[in-house]
Amino acid sequence: MPNGSLDNIIQGSQLDWSSRLLLIQGIAHGLQYLHEQQFVHLDLKPSNVLIDSDMIPKITDFGTARMLDQGNDVTVRDADYLLAGTMGYMPPEYIMEGIVSKMYDVYSFGVILLETISGMCGSKPARRQSSIAWAWVAREAGRMEDLLDPSLCLESQLREARRCLEIGLLCTQSDRADRPTMLDVVEMLETEKELPTPKQPKYTEGRSA
């Protein structure tokens, strides 16, 4: 693809918020379509999202994708089936219990969404943090305007960026039952639907901003 992969764009590039949001919305629609067909990707990450000449994202690399059993949204990884995916984008229930569901992809999408936002942060330490931990600290501190590069996100767009941060945290909830479906995510991204309050990630407890 002429514009490479998402990982080349979200970190260290001068892509503004409006363009980043369109990429995120495109990925969300792609995942929603896959889930409607009962497919789960199982390795969604920035390097597996290619960008065409019109800056439209294309989800690629279906080598680990699986079709869920008919009428069943959840299955368990076969004993002889190695971990599929990439650490950092795998949800806890898959790593610990081998549970495969559409919520796996929702978690991966949430990590990508948070990375897309943190990639606009001028401070290098934030980029070295886990995107989920960074997002929670940023949420609690309530200082998005101080974190994001003002040349990439206008003051009028900060509310939109904060809303997307909330959506990313909802998608990466530790309990898969607390995550939205991709249909919900698309609606959250494109409407003013009221958002649930995300729960604090367990491994950030005790941290302060």
N, C-alpha and C. Protein backbone atom coordinates (compact mmCIF):
# COMPACT_ATOMS: atom_id res chain seq x y z
N MET A 1 0.85 -1.19 0.00
CA MET A 1 0.00 0.00 0.00
C MET A 1 0.89 1.25 0.00
N PRO A 2 0.48 2.27 -0.75
CA PRO A 2 1.33 3.45 -0.92
C PRO A 2 1.65 4.20 0.37
N ASN A 3 0.77 4.12 1.38
CA ASN A 3 1.03 4.84 2.62
C ASN A 3 1.50 3.93 3.75
N GLY A 4 1.95 2.74 3.40
CA GLY A 4 2.55 1.86 4.39
C GLY A 4 1.54 1.33 5.40
N SER A 5 2.01 1.05 6.60
CA SER A 5 1.16 0.49 7.64
C SER A 5 0.87 1.52 8.72
N LEU A 6 -0.11 1.20 9.53
CA LEU A 6 -0.55 2.14 10.57
C LEU A 6 0.55 2.44 11.57
N ASP A 7 1.42 1.46 11.86
CA ASP A 7 2.45 1.72 12.87
C ASP A 7 3.45 2.78 12.43
N ASN A 8 3.60 2.97 11.11
CA ASN A 8 4.48 4.03 10.61
C ASN A 8 3.83 5.40 10.69
N ILE A 9 2.52 5.40 10.88
CA ILE A 9 1.77 6.66 10.84
C ILE A 9 1.44 7.18 12.23
N ILE A 10 1.05 6.29 13.14
CA ILE A 10 0.54 6.78 14.42
C ILE A 10 1.64 7.22 15.37
N GLN A 11 2.85 6.71 15.19
CA GLN A 11 3.96 7.12 16.04
C GLN A 11 4.97 7.94 15.24
N GLY A 12 5.27 9.12 15.73
CA GLY A 12 6.31 9.93 15.12
C GLY A 12 5.94 10.62 13.83
N SER A 13 4.66 10.60 13.46
CA SER A 13 4.27 11.30 12.24
C SER A 13 3.52 12.58 12.61
N GLN A 14 3.31 13.42 11.64
CA GLN A 14 2.60 14.68 11.87
C GLN A 14 1.15 14.60 11.41
N LEU A 15 0.62 13.40 11.46
CA LEU A 15 -0.78 13.21 11.07
C LEU A 15 -1.69 13.83 12.14
N ASP A 16 -2.61 14.68 11.70
CA ASP A 16 -3.44 15.40 12.67
C ASP A 16 -4.58 14.53 13.19
N TRP A 17 -5.28 15.07 14.18
CA TRP A 17 -6.32 14.31 14.84
C TRP A 17 -7.44 13.89 13.89
N SER A 18 -7.88 14.79 13.02
CA SER A 18 -8.98 14.46 12.11
C SER A 18 -8.64 13.25 11.25
N SER A 19 -7.41 13.20 10.75
CA SER A 19 -6.98 12.08 9.90
C SER A 19 -6.88 10.80 10.72
N ARG A 20 -6.40 10.90 11.95
CA ARG A 20 -6.28 9.73 12.81
C ARG A 20 -7.67 9.18 13.15
N LEU A 21 -8.61 10.06 13.40
CA LEU A 21 -9.95 9.62 13.74
C LEU A 21 -10.59 8.87 12.57
N LEU A 22 -10.39 9.35 11.35
CA LEU A 22 -10.93 8.67 10.18
C LEU A 22 -10.34 7.27 10.03
N LEU A 23 -9.05 7.12 10.33
CA LEU A 23 -8.42 5.81 10.27
C LEU A 23 -9.05 4.88 11.31
N ILE A 24 -9.23 5.37 12.52
CA ILE A 24 -9.82 4.58 13.60
C ILE A 24 -11.24 4.15 13.23
N GLN A 25 -12.01 5.07 12.69
CA GLN A 25 -13.38 4.74 12.30
C GLN A 25 -13.39 3.68 11.20
N GLY A 26 -12.46 3.79 10.26
CA GLY A 26 -12.38 2.80 9.19
C GLY A 26 -12.05 1.42 9.71
N ILE A 27 -11.12 1.32 10.65
CA ILE A 27 -10.77 0.03 11.24
C ILE A 27 -11.97 -0.54 11.99
N ALA A 28 -12.69 0.32 12.71
CA ALA A 28 -13.86 -0.14 13.46
C ALA A 28 -14.91 -0.73 12.53
N HIS A 29 -15.17 -0.08 11.41
CA HIS A 29 -16.14 -0.61 10.45
C HIS A 29 -15.67 -1.94 9.88
N GLY A 30 -14.37 -2.06 9.59
CA GLY A 30 -13.84 -3.31 9.07
C GLY A 30 -14.02 -4.46 10.05
N LEU A 31 -13.72 -4.21 11.31
CA LEU A 31 -13.88 -5.24 12.34
C LEU A 31 -15.35 -5.60 12.55
N GLN A 32 -16.20 -4.59 12.51
CA GLN A 32 -17.63 -4.86 12.66
C GLN A 32 -18.10 -5.80 11.56
N TYR A 33 -17.64 -5.58 10.33
CA TYR A 33 -18.03 -6.45 9.21
C TYR A 33 -17.53 -7.88 9.44
N LEU A 34 -16.26 -8.01 9.87
CA LEU A 34 -15.72 -9.35 10.14
C LEU A 34 -16.55 -10.08 11.19
N HIS A 35 -16.91 -9.38 12.23
CA HIS A 35 -17.67 -10.00 13.31
C HIS A 35 -19.08 -10.38 12.88
N GLU A 36 -19.65 -9.61 11.97
CA GLU A 36 -20.96 -9.97 11.43
C GLU A 36 -20.89 -11.29 10.67
N GLN A 37 -19.72 -11.60 10.10
CA GLN A 37 -19.51 -12.85 9.37
C GLN A 37 -19.03 -13.97 10.30
N GLN A 38 -19.01 -13.71 11.59
CA GLN A 38 -18.57 -14.67 12.61
C GLN A 38 -17.08 -14.98 12.57
N PHE A 39 -16.29 -14.07 12.02
CA PHE A 39 -14.84 -14.21 12.01
C PHE A 39 -14.22 -13.38 13.13
N VAL A 40 -13.15 -13.91 13.70
CA VAL A 40 -12.31 -13.12 14.60
C VAL A 40 -10.91 -13.09 14.00
N HIS A 41 -10.27 -11.94 14.05
CA HIS A 41 -8.97 -11.77 13.40
C HIS A 41 -7.83 -12.37 14.21
N LEU A 42 -7.80 -12.07 15.50
CA LEU A 42 -6.84 -12.62 16.47
C LEU A 42 -5.40 -12.10 16.32
N ASP A 43 -5.17 -11.13 15.47
CA ASP A 43 -3.83 -10.52 15.44
C ASP A 43 -3.91 -9.10 14.91
N LEU A 44 -4.90 -8.37 15.37
CA LEU A 44 -5.03 -6.97 14.94
C LEU A 44 -3.98 -6.14 15.66
N LYS A 45 -3.16 -5.46 14.90
CA LYS A 45 -2.12 -4.58 15.42
C LYS A 45 -1.77 -3.58 14.32
N PRO A 46 -1.09 -2.49 14.66
CA PRO A 46 -0.83 -1.45 13.65
C PRO A 46 -0.11 -1.95 12.39
N SER A 47 0.81 -2.90 12.53
CA SER A 47 1.54 -3.37 11.34
C SER A 47 0.67 -4.22 10.43
N ASN A 48 -0.50 -4.67 10.92
CA ASN A 48 -1.42 -5.44 10.10
C ASN A 48 -2.57 -4.59 9.55
N VAL A 49 -2.42 -3.29 9.66
CA VAL A 49 -3.38 -2.36 9.06
C VAL A 49 -2.63 -1.52 8.03
N LEU A 50 -2.92 -1.73 6.75
CA LEU A 50 -2.26 -1.00 5.68
C LEU A 50 -3.13 0.16 5.23
N ILE A 51 -2.48 1.22 4.74
CA ILE A 51 -3.18 2.46 4.37
C ILE A 51 -3.05 2.70 2.88
N ASP A 52 -4.17 2.84 2.20
CA ASP A 52 -4.11 3.04 0.74
C ASP A 52 -3.86 4.50 0.38
N SER A 53 -3.90 4.80 -0.89
CA SER A 53 -3.57 6.15 -1.37
C SER A 53 -4.58 7.20 -0.92
N ASP A 54 -5.78 6.76 -0.56
CA ASP A 54 -6.82 7.68 -0.07
C ASP A 54 -6.89 7.70 1.45
N MET A 55 -5.85 7.14 2.10
CA MET A 55 -5.77 7.08 3.56
C MET A 55 -6.91 6.24 4.16
N ILE A 56 -7.33 5.22 3.41
CA ILE A 56 -8.34 4.30 3.92
C ILE A 56 -7.63 3.06 4.46
N PRO A 57 -7.91 2.67 5.70
CA PRO A 57 -7.21 1.52 6.30
C PRO A 57 -7.74 0.19 5.77
N LYS A 58 -6.83 -0.76 5.60
CA LYS A 58 -7.18 -2.11 5.15
C LYS A 58 -6.62 -3.11 6.16
N ILE A 59 -7.49 -3.89 6.78
CA ILE A 59 -7.05 -4.92 7.72
C ILE A 59 -6.47 -6.09 6.94
N THR A 60 -5.26 -6.52 7.30
CA THR A 60 -4.59 -7.57 6.55
C THR A 60 -4.11 -8.68 7.49
N ASP A 61 -3.47 -9.70 6.89
CA ASP A 61 -2.86 -10.83 7.60
C ASP A 61 -3.90 -11.62 8.38
N PHE A 62 -4.59 -12.50 7.69
CA PHE A 62 -5.63 -13.32 8.31
C PHE A 62 -5.13 -14.73 8.62
N GLY A 63 -3.82 -14.86 8.80
CA GLY A 63 -3.23 -16.16 9.05
C GLY A 63 -3.68 -16.82 10.34
N THR A 64 -4.06 -16.02 11.32
CA THR A 64 -4.52 -16.59 12.59
C THR A 64 -6.03 -16.45 12.78
N ALA A 65 -6.72 -15.90 11.79
CA ALA A 65 -8.16 -15.68 11.91
C ALA A 65 -8.91 -17.01 12.05
N ARG A 66 -10.01 -16.96 12.77
CA ARG A 66 -10.82 -18.16 12.96
C ARG A 66 -12.29 -17.81 12.82
N MET A 67 -13.06 -18.80 12.38
CA MET A 67 -14.51 -18.63 12.35
C MET A 67 -15.08 -19.25 13.61
N LEU A 68 -15.92 -18.51 14.29
CA LEU A 68 -16.53 -19.02 15.51
C LEU A 68 -17.58 -20.08 15.17
N ASP A 69 -17.78 -20.99 16.09
CA ASP A 69 -18.80 -22.02 15.89
C ASP A 69 -20.16 -21.36 15.67
N GLN A 70 -20.94 -21.96 14.80
CA GLN A 70 -22.25 -21.39 14.46
C GLN A 70 -23.09 -21.17 15.71
N GLY A 71 -23.55 -19.95 15.88
CA GLY A 71 -24.41 -19.63 17.01
C GLY A 71 -23.70 -19.52 18.34
N ASN A 72 -22.36 -19.58 18.30
CA ASN A 72 -21.60 -19.49 19.55
C ASN A 72 -20.54 -18.42 19.41
N ASP A 73 -20.59 -17.41 20.25
CA ASP A 73 -19.64 -16.30 20.16
C ASP A 73 -18.34 -16.58 20.90
N VAL A 74 -18.27 -17.70 21.59
CA VAL A 74 -17.10 -17.99 22.41
C VAL A 74 -16.64 -19.42 22.16
N THR A 75 -15.34 -19.61 22.06
CA THR A 75 -14.77 -20.94 21.98
C THR A 75 -13.48 -20.93 22.79
N VAL A 76 -12.91 -22.09 23.00
CA VAL A 76 -11.67 -22.18 23.76
C VAL A 76 -10.58 -22.70 22.85
N ARG A 77 -9.42 -22.08 22.96
CA ARG A 77 -8.28 -22.49 22.14
C ARG A 77 -8.00 -23.98 22.33
N ASP A 78 -7.77 -24.67 21.21
CA ASP A 78 -7.43 -26.10 21.29
C ASP A 78 -6.13 -26.27 22.07
N ALA A 79 -6.02 -27.39 22.77
CA ALA A 79 -4.84 -27.63 23.60
C ALA A 79 -3.55 -27.59 22.79
N ASP A 80 -3.64 -28.04 21.53
CA ASP A 80 -2.43 -28.07 20.70
C ASP A 80 -2.31 -26.82 19.82
N TYR A 81 -3.17 -25.82 20.07
CA TYR A 81 -3.17 -24.59 19.27
C TYR A 81 -2.37 -23.54 20.03
N LEU A 82 -1.24 -23.15 19.48
CA LEU A 82 -0.38 -22.19 20.16
C LEU A 82 -1.05 -20.82 20.26
N LEU A 83 -0.57 -20.02 21.18
CA LEU A 83 -1.10 -18.66 21.31
C LEU A 83 -1.03 -17.94 19.98
N ALA A 84 -2.16 -17.40 19.56
CA ALA A 84 -2.22 -16.64 18.32
C ALA A 84 -2.25 -15.16 18.65
N GLY A 85 -1.52 -14.38 17.88
CA GLY A 85 -1.56 -12.95 18.11
C GLY A 85 -0.23 -12.40 18.57
N THR A 86 -0.28 -11.19 19.10
CA THR A 86 0.93 -10.48 19.50
C THR A 86 0.76 -9.96 20.92
N MET A 87 1.76 -10.23 21.76
CA MET A 87 1.68 -9.74 23.14
C MET A 87 1.50 -8.22 23.15
N GLY A 88 0.70 -7.77 24.07
CA GLY A 88 0.36 -6.35 24.13
C GLY A 88 -0.98 -6.07 23.50
N TYR A 89 -1.39 -6.96 22.57
CA TYR A 89 -2.68 -6.81 21.90
C TYR A 89 -3.62 -7.97 22.24
N MET A 90 -3.11 -8.94 23.00
CA MET A 90 -3.93 -10.09 23.43
C MET A 90 -4.67 -9.74 24.72
N PRO A 91 -5.95 -10.08 24.80
CA PRO A 91 -6.68 -9.83 26.04
C PRO A 91 -6.32 -10.85 27.12
N PRO A 92 -6.51 -10.49 28.38
CA PRO A 92 -6.10 -11.39 29.47
C PRO A 92 -6.80 -12.74 29.46
N GLU A 93 -8.09 -12.79 29.06
CA GLU A 93 -8.81 -14.07 29.10
C GLU A 93 -8.25 -15.06 28.09
N TYR A 94 -7.65 -14.55 27.01
CA TYR A 94 -7.06 -15.44 26.02
C TYR A 94 -5.72 -15.98 26.50
N ILE A 95 -4.92 -15.11 27.10
CA ILE A 95 -3.61 -15.53 27.60
C ILE A 95 -3.77 -16.53 28.74
N MET A 96 -4.71 -16.27 29.64
CA MET A 96 -4.82 -17.08 30.85
C MET A 96 -5.72 -18.30 30.70
N GLU A 97 -6.78 -18.18 29.87
CA GLU A 97 -7.75 -19.26 29.79
C GLU A 97 -7.97 -19.79 28.37
N GLY A 98 -7.35 -19.16 27.38
CA GLY A 98 -7.52 -19.62 26.00
C GLY A 98 -8.87 -19.29 25.40
N ILE A 99 -9.59 -18.34 26.00
CA ILE A 99 -10.93 -17.99 25.50
C ILE A 99 -10.81 -17.15 24.23
N VAL A 100 -11.49 -17.60 23.18
CA VAL A 100 -11.51 -16.89 21.89
C VAL A 100 -12.92 -16.34 21.68
N SER A 101 -13.03 -15.06 21.46
CA SER A 101 -14.34 -14.45 21.17
C SER A 101 -14.11 -13.16 20.41
N LYS A 102 -15.20 -12.54 20.02
CA LYS A 102 -15.09 -11.26 19.33
C LYS A 102 -14.47 -10.20 20.25
N MET A 103 -14.58 -10.41 21.54
CA MET A 103 -14.01 -9.46 22.49
C MET A 103 -12.48 -9.44 22.44
N TYR A 104 -11.87 -10.49 21.88
CA TYR A 104 -10.42 -10.48 21.65
C TYR A 104 -10.09 -9.31 20.72
N ASP A 105 -10.77 -9.24 19.59
CA ASP A 105 -10.51 -8.17 18.61
C ASP A 105 -10.86 -6.80 19.17
N VAL A 106 -11.91 -6.74 20.00
CA VAL A 106 -12.30 -5.46 20.60
C VAL A 106 -11.16 -4.94 21.47
N TYR A 107 -10.55 -5.84 22.24
CA TYR A 107 -9.42 -5.46 23.08
C TYR A 107 -8.27 -4.94 22.22
N SER A 108 -7.93 -5.67 21.17
CA SER A 108 -6.82 -5.26 20.28
C SER A 108 -7.12 -3.89 19.66
N PHE A 109 -8.36 -3.70 19.24
CA PHE A 109 -8.76 -2.42 18.67
C PHE A 109 -8.58 -1.29 19.69
N GLY A 110 -8.96 -1.56 20.94
CA GLY A 110 -8.81 -0.54 21.98
C GLY A 110 -7.37 -0.13 22.19
N VAL A 111 -6.46 -1.11 22.16
CA VAL A 111 -5.04 -0.79 22.30
C VAL A 111 -4.59 0.10 21.14
N ILE A 112 -5.01 -0.25 19.92
CA ILE A 112 -4.64 0.56 18.75
C ILE A 112 -5.20 1.98 18.88
N LEU A 113 -6.43 2.10 19.32
CA LEU A 113 -7.04 3.42 19.49
C LEU A 113 -6.24 4.26 20.48
N LEU A 114 -5.86 3.65 21.60
CA LEU A 114 -5.09 4.39 22.60
C LEU A 114 -3.69 4.73 22.10
N GLU A 115 -3.09 3.84 21.32
CA GLU A 115 -1.78 4.13 20.73
C GLU A 115 -1.87 5.28 19.73
N THR A 116 -2.98 5.33 19.02
CA THR A 116 -3.18 6.41 18.05
C THR A 116 -3.24 7.76 18.74
N ILE A 117 -3.87 7.78 19.91
CA ILE A 117 -3.94 9.03 20.68
C ILE A 117 -2.59 9.35 21.32
N SER A 118 -1.98 8.36 21.96
CA SER A 118 -0.70 8.62 22.65
C SER A 118 0.40 8.98 21.66
N GLY A 119 0.23 8.57 20.39
CA GLY A 119 1.21 8.94 19.37
C GLY A 119 1.24 10.43 19.08
N MET A 120 0.25 11.16 19.56
CA MET A 120 0.20 12.61 19.40
C MET A 120 0.79 13.32 20.62
N CYS A 121 1.26 12.53 21.56
CA CYS A 121 1.80 13.09 22.79
C CYS A 121 3.24 13.52 22.57
N GLY A 122 3.58 14.72 22.99
CA GLY A 122 4.93 15.22 22.77
C GLY A 122 5.96 14.62 23.69
N SER A 123 5.53 14.00 24.80
CA SER A 123 6.49 13.50 25.77
C SER A 123 6.88 12.06 25.47
N LYS A 124 8.17 11.81 25.28
CA LYS A 124 8.64 10.48 24.93
C LYS A 124 8.37 9.45 26.03
N PRO A 125 8.46 9.79 27.32
CA PRO A 125 8.14 8.78 28.33
C PRO A 125 6.75 8.19 28.18
N ALA A 126 5.78 9.02 27.77
CA ALA A 126 4.42 8.52 27.60
C ALA A 126 4.38 7.44 26.52
N ARG A 127 5.18 7.60 25.49
CA ARG A 127 5.17 6.62 24.41
C ARG A 127 5.81 5.31 24.82
N ARG A 128 6.65 5.33 25.85
CA ARG A 128 7.27 4.09 26.30
C ARG A 128 6.37 3.34 27.28
N GLN A 129 5.35 4.01 27.81
CA GLN A 129 4.41 3.38 28.73
C GLN A 129 3.46 2.48 27.96
N SER A 130 2.87 1.53 28.67
CA SER A 130 1.73 0.82 28.12
C SER A 130 0.66 1.85 27.77
N SER A 131 0.06 1.72 26.59
CA SER A 131 -0.94 2.70 26.17
C SER A 131 -2.14 2.72 27.11
N ILE A 132 -2.48 1.55 27.69
CA ILE A 132 -3.63 1.50 28.60
C ILE A 132 -3.31 2.24 29.89
N ALA A 133 -2.11 2.00 30.44
CA ALA A 133 -1.71 2.70 31.66
C ALA A 133 -1.62 4.20 31.41
N TRP A 134 -1.05 4.58 30.27
CA TRP A 134 -0.94 5.99 29.92
C TRP A 134 -2.32 6.63 29.84
N ALA A 135 -3.25 5.92 29.20
CA ALA A 135 -4.59 6.47 29.00
C ALA A 135 -5.31 6.66 30.33
N TRP A 136 -5.14 5.70 31.25
CA TRP A 136 -5.83 5.84 32.54
C TRP A 136 -5.28 7.02 33.33
N VAL A 137 -3.96 7.15 33.35
CA VAL A 137 -3.34 8.28 34.07
C VAL A 137 -3.78 9.60 33.44
N ALA A 138 -3.80 9.64 32.10
CA ALA A 138 -4.23 10.87 31.40
C ALA A 138 -5.69 11.18 31.72
N ARG A 139 -6.53 10.15 31.77
CA ARG A 139 -7.95 10.35 32.08
C ARG A 139 -8.12 10.92 33.48
N GLU A 140 -7.42 10.31 34.44
CA GLU A 140 -7.56 10.74 35.82
C GLU A 140 -6.99 12.14 36.05
N ALA A 141 -5.93 12.47 35.31
CA ALA A 141 -5.31 13.79 35.46
C ALA A 141 -6.16 14.88 34.80
N GLY A 142 -6.92 14.48 33.77
CA GLY A 142 -7.78 15.44 33.08
C GLY A 142 -7.02 16.55 32.41
N ARG A 143 -5.86 16.23 31.82
CA ARG A 143 -5.04 17.27 31.22
C ARG A 143 -4.64 16.94 29.78
N MET A 144 -5.60 16.50 29.01
CA MET A 144 -5.34 16.15 27.62
C MET A 144 -4.69 17.30 26.86
N GLU A 145 -5.13 18.52 27.14
CA GLU A 145 -4.60 19.68 26.42
C GLU A 145 -3.11 19.88 26.69
N ASP A 146 -2.63 19.39 27.84
CA ASP A 146 -1.21 19.52 28.16
C ASP A 146 -0.38 18.38 27.58
N LEU A 147 -1.04 17.28 27.22
CA LEU A 147 -0.32 16.10 26.75
C LEU A 147 -0.17 16.04 25.24
N LEU A 148 -1.22 16.46 24.53
CA LEU A 148 -1.23 16.31 23.08
C LEU A 148 -0.59 17.51 22.38
N ASP A 149 0.13 17.21 21.32
CA ASP A 149 0.80 18.24 20.53
C ASP A 149 -0.26 19.17 19.94
N PRO A 150 -0.25 20.46 20.29
CA PRO A 150 -1.29 21.38 19.81
C PRO A 150 -1.28 21.57 18.30
N SER A 151 -0.17 21.22 17.65
CA SER A 151 -0.13 21.34 16.18
C SER A 151 -0.89 20.20 15.50
N LEU A 152 -1.20 19.13 16.28
CA LEU A 152 -1.89 17.97 15.71
C LEU A 152 -3.34 17.88 16.17
N CYS A 153 -3.67 18.55 17.25
CA CYS A 153 -5.03 18.49 17.79
C CYS A 153 -5.47 19.87 18.24
N LEU A 154 -6.43 20.45 17.54
CA LEU A 154 -6.92 21.77 17.88
C LEU A 154 -7.68 21.72 19.21
N GLU A 155 -7.74 22.87 19.86
CA GLU A 155 -8.44 22.94 21.14
C GLU A 155 -9.90 22.48 20.99
N SER A 156 -10.50 22.80 19.85
CA SER A 156 -11.89 22.42 19.61
C SER A 156 -12.06 20.92 19.43
N GLN A 157 -10.96 20.19 19.21
CA GLN A 157 -11.03 18.74 19.00
C GLN A 157 -10.70 17.95 20.26
N LEU A 158 -10.32 18.63 21.33
CA LEU A 158 -9.90 17.93 22.54
C LEU A 158 -11.04 17.11 23.15
N ARG A 159 -12.24 17.60 23.08
CA ARG A 159 -13.38 16.86 23.62
C ARG A 159 -13.55 15.55 22.87
N GLU A 160 -13.37 15.60 21.56
CA GLU A 160 -13.47 14.41 20.72
C GLU A 160 -12.36 13.42 21.08
N ALA A 161 -11.15 13.92 21.27
CA ALA A 161 -10.03 13.07 21.64
C ALA A 161 -10.25 12.44 23.01
N ARG A 162 -10.79 13.21 23.95
CA ARG A 162 -11.07 12.67 25.28
C ARG A 162 -12.12 11.57 25.20
N ARG A 163 -13.12 11.77 24.37
CA ARG A 163 -14.17 10.75 24.21
C ARG A 163 -13.57 9.46 23.64
N CYS A 164 -12.67 9.59 22.68
CA CYS A 164 -12.02 8.41 22.10
C CYS A 164 -11.13 7.71 23.11
N LEU A 165 -10.52 8.47 24.00
CA LEU A 165 -9.73 7.88 25.07
C LEU A 165 -10.62 7.00 25.96
N GLU A 166 -11.81 7.48 26.26
CA GLU A 166 -12.77 6.71 27.06
C GLU A 166 -13.16 5.43 26.32
N ILE A 167 -13.40 5.54 25.02
CA ILE A 167 -13.78 4.37 24.22
C ILE A 167 -12.66 3.34 24.22
N GLY A 168 -11.42 3.81 24.09
CA GLY A 168 -10.28 2.90 24.11
C GLY A 168 -10.17 2.17 25.44
N LEU A 169 -10.42 2.88 26.54
CA LEU A 169 -10.38 2.24 27.85
C LEU A 169 -11.52 1.24 28.03
N LEU A 170 -12.68 1.55 27.49
CA LEU A 170 -13.80 0.60 27.54
C LEU A 170 -13.48 -0.67 26.76
N CYS A 171 -12.83 -0.52 25.62
CA CYS A 171 -12.50 -1.68 24.79
C CYS A 171 -11.44 -2.57 25.43
N THR A 172 -10.63 -2.01 26.31
CA THR A 172 -9.53 -2.76 26.93
C THR A 172 -9.82 -3.13 28.38
N GLN A 173 -11.09 -3.16 28.75
CA GLN A 173 -11.45 -3.58 30.10
C GLN A 173 -10.96 -5.01 30.35
N SER A 174 -10.51 -5.27 31.57
CA SER A 174 -9.96 -6.58 31.91
C SER A 174 -10.99 -7.69 31.76
N ASP A 175 -12.22 -7.42 32.15
CA ASP A 175 -13.31 -8.39 32.03
C ASP A 175 -13.97 -8.20 30.67
N ARG A 176 -13.97 -9.24 29.86
CA ARG A 176 -14.52 -9.09 28.50
C ARG A 176 -16.01 -8.73 28.51
N ALA A 177 -16.71 -9.08 29.60
CA ALA A 177 -18.13 -8.73 29.70
C ALA A 177 -18.34 -7.22 29.80
N ASP A 178 -17.30 -6.50 30.18
CA ASP A 178 -17.40 -5.04 30.32
C ASP A 178 -17.06 -4.30 29.02
N ARG A 179 -16.60 -5.03 28.01
CA ARG A 179 -16.24 -4.38 26.74
C ARG A 179 -17.45 -4.24 25.83
N PRO A 180 -17.48 -3.19 25.02
CA PRO A 180 -18.57 -3.04 24.05
C PRO A 180 -18.34 -3.95 22.85
N THR A 181 -19.38 -4.21 22.08
CA THR A 181 -19.23 -4.90 20.80
C THR A 181 -18.69 -3.90 19.79
N MET A 182 -18.23 -4.40 18.64
CA MET A 182 -17.75 -3.47 17.61
C MET A 182 -18.90 -2.63 17.05
N LEU A 183 -20.10 -3.17 17.04
CA LEU A 183 -21.25 -2.37 16.62
C LEU A 183 -21.45 -1.20 17.57
N ASP A 184 -21.31 -1.47 18.88
CA ASP A 184 -21.40 -0.40 19.87
C ASP A 184 -20.29 0.63 19.66
N VAL A 185 -19.08 0.12 19.37
CA VAL A 185 -17.92 1.01 19.20
C VAL A 185 -18.15 1.96 18.03
N VAL A 186 -18.63 1.43 16.91
CA VAL A 186 -18.90 2.28 15.75
C VAL A 186 -19.89 3.38 16.12
N GLU A 187 -20.93 3.01 16.84
CA GLU A 187 -21.93 3.99 17.26
C GLU A 187 -21.32 5.02 18.21
N MET A 188 -20.48 4.57 19.11
CA MET A 188 -19.82 5.49 20.05
C MET A 188 -18.93 6.49 19.32
N LEU A 189 -18.24 6.00 18.27
CA LEU A 189 -17.32 6.86 17.53
C LEU A 189 -18.03 7.88 16.65
N GLU A 190 -19.25 7.55 16.23
CA GLU A 190 -19.91 8.38 15.22
C GLU A 190 -21.14 9.12 15.74
N THR A 191 -21.48 8.91 17.01
CA THR A 191 -22.62 9.62 17.58
C THR A 191 -22.22 10.17 18.96
N GLU A 192 -23.16 10.83 19.59
CA GLU A 192 -22.94 11.37 20.93
C GLU A 192 -23.53 10.45 21.99
N LYS A 193 -23.67 9.18 21.66
CA LYS A 193 -24.22 8.21 22.61
C LYS A 193 -23.46 8.29 23.93
N GLU A 194 -24.22 8.27 25.04
CA GLU A 194 -23.59 8.35 26.35
C GLU A 194 -22.72 7.11 26.59
N LEU A 195 -21.53 7.32 27.12
CA LEU A 195 -20.59 6.23 27.34
C LEU A 195 -20.67 5.71 28.77
N PRO A 196 -20.52 4.40 28.95
CA PRO A 196 -20.37 3.88 30.31
C PRO A 196 -19.06 4.39 30.91
N THR A 197 -18.92 4.27 32.21
CA THR A 197 -17.68 4.67 32.87
C THR A 197 -16.72 3.49 32.90
N PRO A 198 -15.52 3.62 32.34
CA PRO A 198 -14.58 2.49 32.37
C PRO A 198 -14.07 2.24 33.78
N LYS A 199 -13.79 0.96 34.05
CA LYS A 199 -13.20 0.59 35.34
C LYS A 199 -11.69 0.73 35.25
N GLN A 200 -11.09 1.04 36.38
CA GLN A 200 -9.64 1.20 36.42
C GLN A 200 -8.95 -0.13 36.14
N PRO A 201 -7.97 -0.14 35.21
CA PRO A 201 -7.20 -1.37 34.98
C PRO A 201 -6.50 -1.78 36.27
N LYS A 202 -6.59 -3.06 36.61
CA LYS A 202 -6.08 -3.54 37.90
C LYS A 202 -4.60 -3.21 38.10
N TYR A 203 -3.80 -3.32 37.04
CA TYR A 203 -2.37 -3.11 37.23
C TYR A 203 -1.97 -1.64 37.34
N THR A 204 -2.96 -0.73 37.24
CA THR A 204 -2.64 0.69 37.46
C THR A 204 -3.04 1.14 38.86
N GLU A 205 -3.65 0.25 39.64
CA GLU A 205 -4.06 0.64 40.98
C GLU A 205 -2.83 1.00 41.81
N GLY A 206 -2.96 2.10 42.51
CA GLY A 206 -1.84 2.57 43.31
C GLY A 206 -0.96 3.57 42.59
N ARG A 207 -1.16 3.68 41.24
CA ARG A 207 -0.39 4.68 40.50
C ARG A 207 -1.06 6.03 40.63
N SER A 208 -0.28 7.07 40.47
CA SER A 208 -0.83 8.42 40.50
C SER A 208 -0.35 9.16 39.28
N ALA A 209 -1.06 10.23 38.94
CA ALA A 209 -0.68 11.04 37.79
C ALA A 209 0.50 11.91 38.13
